Structures are given as C-alpha cells and as structure tokens.
Amino acid sequence: MGFDQKGAVVIRISRGANGRWDVSENDVEDPLASFDDKQDACDYANKLTTTKEGATVLMLDEGNPASTQSQNTAQ
C-alpha cells in the first residue's frame, strides 16, 4: 500500500526518548534509524538526501536553539 507525498521531503535529526539520535522523514513519528552518535545520524541523513530530490536535513538539537538545515540541490 502506498501514498503520494506532497511537498518537500524533510529528514529530521533529533534526540529520541531513549537518548539516541533519531532520523525520521517528514512528520512520521517512528524513526527510520537511531544512532548513539550524533555524527552517525548526520551521515545517514545526508546519504538519504542523495536519494530524494530536493530533500532537506533539519537538525533539532535541544542544546542549540538555532536548528540547522542543509538542502540537497544536486539534480
């Protein structure tokens, strides 16, 4: 079963309830993957953007009020 996604893909990196770094897509509650190391989560999220045109990475770091974003502009 599938569905059409509308709008830009946003890959979110945030601290999960378990203290690990979760990577999720758009507003989906369940993470695609969880990592102990923040850099591993960032690497994984950046690799995902290469498979999804126009995808953006959003870092939600509660220790830093200014979240960071990067966008895949490769076509």
C-alpha atoms as a PDB file:
ATOM      1  CA  MET A   1       0.000   0.000   0.000  1.00  0.00           C
ATOM      2  CA  GLY A   2       1.453   3.388  -0.928  1.00  0.00           C
ATOM      3  CA  PHE A   3       0.509   7.008  -0.983  1.00  0.00           C
ATOM      4  CA  ASP A   4       1.555  10.156  -2.784  1.00  0.00           C
ATOM      5  CA  GLN A   5       3.714  12.544  -0.796  1.00  0.00           C
ATOM      6  CA  LYS A   6       3.152  16.228  -1.404  1.00  0.00           C
ATOM      7  CA  GLY A   7       5.706  18.910  -0.699  1.00  0.00           C
ATOM      8  CA  ALA A   8       9.365  18.770   0.143  1.00  0.00           C
ATOM      9  CA  VAL A   9      10.984  15.881   1.958  1.00  0.00           C
ATOM     10  CA  VAL A  10      12.448  16.873   5.321  1.00  0.00           C
ATOM     11  CA  ILE A  11      14.840  14.481   7.042  1.00  0.00           C
ATOM     12  CA  ARG A  12      14.804  15.282  10.771  1.00  0.00           C
ATOM     13  CA  ILE A  13      17.557  14.501  13.256  1.00  0.00           C
ATOM     14  CA  SER A  14      16.541  14.743  16.898  1.00  0.00           C
ATOM     15  CA  ARG A  15      17.105  13.216  20.324  1.00  0.00           C
ATOM     16  CA  GLY A  16      14.719  10.360  20.900  1.00  0.00           C
ATOM     17  CA  ALA A  17      13.092   9.436  24.190  1.00  0.00           C
ATOM     18  CA  ASN A  18      15.789   6.788  24.616  1.00  0.00           C
ATOM     19  CA  GLY A  19      18.575   9.404  24.422  1.00  0.00           C
ATOM     20  CA  ARG A  20      19.719   8.234  20.996  1.00  0.00           C
ATOM     21  CA  TRP A  21      19.808  10.341  17.825  1.00  0.00           C
ATOM     22  CA  ASP A  22      16.750   9.513  15.700  1.00  0.00           C
ATOM     23  CA  VAL A  23      16.480  10.111  11.965  1.00  0.00           C
ATOM     24  CA  SER A  24      12.943  10.431  10.617  1.00  0.00           C
ATOM     25  CA  GLU A  25      11.284  11.608   7.432  1.00  0.00           C
ATOM     26  CA  ASN A  26       8.741  14.426   7.317  1.00  0.00           C
ATOM     27  CA  ASP A  27       6.278  14.163  10.214  1.00  0.00           C
ATOM     28  CA  VAL A  28       6.447  10.380  10.619  1.00  0.00           C
ATOM     29  CA  GLU A  29       6.652   9.591  14.328  1.00  0.00           C
ATOM     30  CA  ASP A  30       8.670   6.370  14.096  1.00  0.00           C
ATOM     31  CA  PRO A  31      12.337   6.944  13.202  1.00  0.00           C
ATOM     32  CA  LEU A  32      13.905   5.386  10.132  1.00  0.00           C
ATOM     33  CA  ALA A  33      17.025   4.738  12.216  1.00  0.00           C
ATOM     34  CA  SER A  34      18.530   5.513  15.644  1.00  0.00           C
ATOM     35  CA  PHE A  35      22.186   6.131  16.487  1.00  0.00           C
ATOM     36  CA  ASP A  36      24.252   6.510  19.636  1.00  0.00           C
ATOM     37  CA  ASP A  37      26.492   9.034  17.903  1.00  0.00           C
ATOM     38  CA  LYS A  38      25.172  12.337  16.532  1.00  0.00           C
ATOM     39  CA  GLN A  39      27.654  12.287  13.636  1.00  0.00           C
ATOM     40  CA  ASP A  40      26.434   8.844  12.532  1.00  0.00           C
ATOM     41  CA  ALA A  41      22.875  10.185  12.441  1.00  0.00           C
ATOM     42  CA  CYS A  42      24.018  13.192  10.392  1.00  0.00           C
ATOM     43  CA  ASP A  43      25.907  10.983   7.942  1.00  0.00           C
ATOM     44  CA  TYR A  44      22.875   8.736   7.495  1.00  0.00           C
ATOM     45  CA  ALA A  45      20.524  11.698   6.987  1.00  0.00           C
ATOM     46  CA  ASN A  46      22.849  13.248   4.418  1.00  0.00           C
ATOM     47  CA  LYS A  47      23.010   9.966   2.493  1.00  0.00           C
ATOM     48  CA  LEU A  48      19.205   9.854   2.458  1.00  0.00           C
ATOM     49  CA  THR A  49      19.065  13.279   0.811  1.00  0.00           C
ATOM     50  CA  THR A  50      21.016  11.931  -2.152  1.00  0.00           C
ATOM     51  CA  THR A  51      18.146   9.531  -2.885  1.00  0.00           C
ATOM     52  CA  LYS A  52      15.378  12.133  -2.603  1.00  0.00           C
ATOM     53  CA  GLU A  53      15.411  15.145  -4.908  1.00  0.00           C
ATOM     54  CA  GLY A  54      15.148  18.449  -3.062  1.00  0.00           C
ATOM     55  CA  ALA A  55      15.340  16.804   0.374  1.00  0.00           C
ATOM     56  CA  THR A  56      16.373  18.926   3.350  1.00  0.00           C
ATOM     57  CA  VAL A  57      18.049  17.894   6.606  1.00  0.00           C
ATOM     58  CA  LEU A  58      16.730  19.562   9.753  1.00  0.00           C
ATOM     59  CA  MET A  59      18.796  19.213  12.940  1.00  0.00           C
ATOM     60  CA  LEU A  60      16.625  19.539  16.037  1.00  0.00           C
ATOM     61  CA  ASP A  61      19.194  19.859  18.809  1.00  0.00           C
ATOM     62  CA  GLU A  62      17.628  20.833  22.120  1.00  0.00           C
ATOM     63  CA  GLY A  63      21.009  22.079  23.313  1.00  0.00           C
ATOM     64  CA  ASN A  64      21.145  24.589  20.472  1.00  0.00           C
ATOM     65  CA  PRO A  65      18.100  26.826  19.985  1.00  0.00           C
ATOM     66  CA  ALA A  66      19.091  27.550  16.383  1.00  0.00           C
ATOM     67  CA  SER A  67      18.388  24.397  14.390  1.00  0.00           C
ATOM     68  CA  THR A  68      20.494  23.868  11.311  1.00  0.00           C
ATOM     69  CA  GLN A  69      19.338  22.936   7.830  1.00  0.00           C
ATOM     70  CA  SER A  70      21.048  21.733   4.711  1.00  0.00           C
ATOM     71  CA  GLN A  71      19.442  21.039   1.371  1.00  0.00           C
ATOM     72  CA  ASN A  72      20.260  18.617  -1.418  1.00  0.00           C
ATOM     73  CA  THR A  73      20.345  20.680  -4.599  1.00  0.00           C
ATOM     74  CA  ALA A  74      22.046  18.056  -6.761  1.00  0.00           C
ATOM     75  CA  GLN A  75      19.980  17.004  -9.746  1.00  0.00           C
END
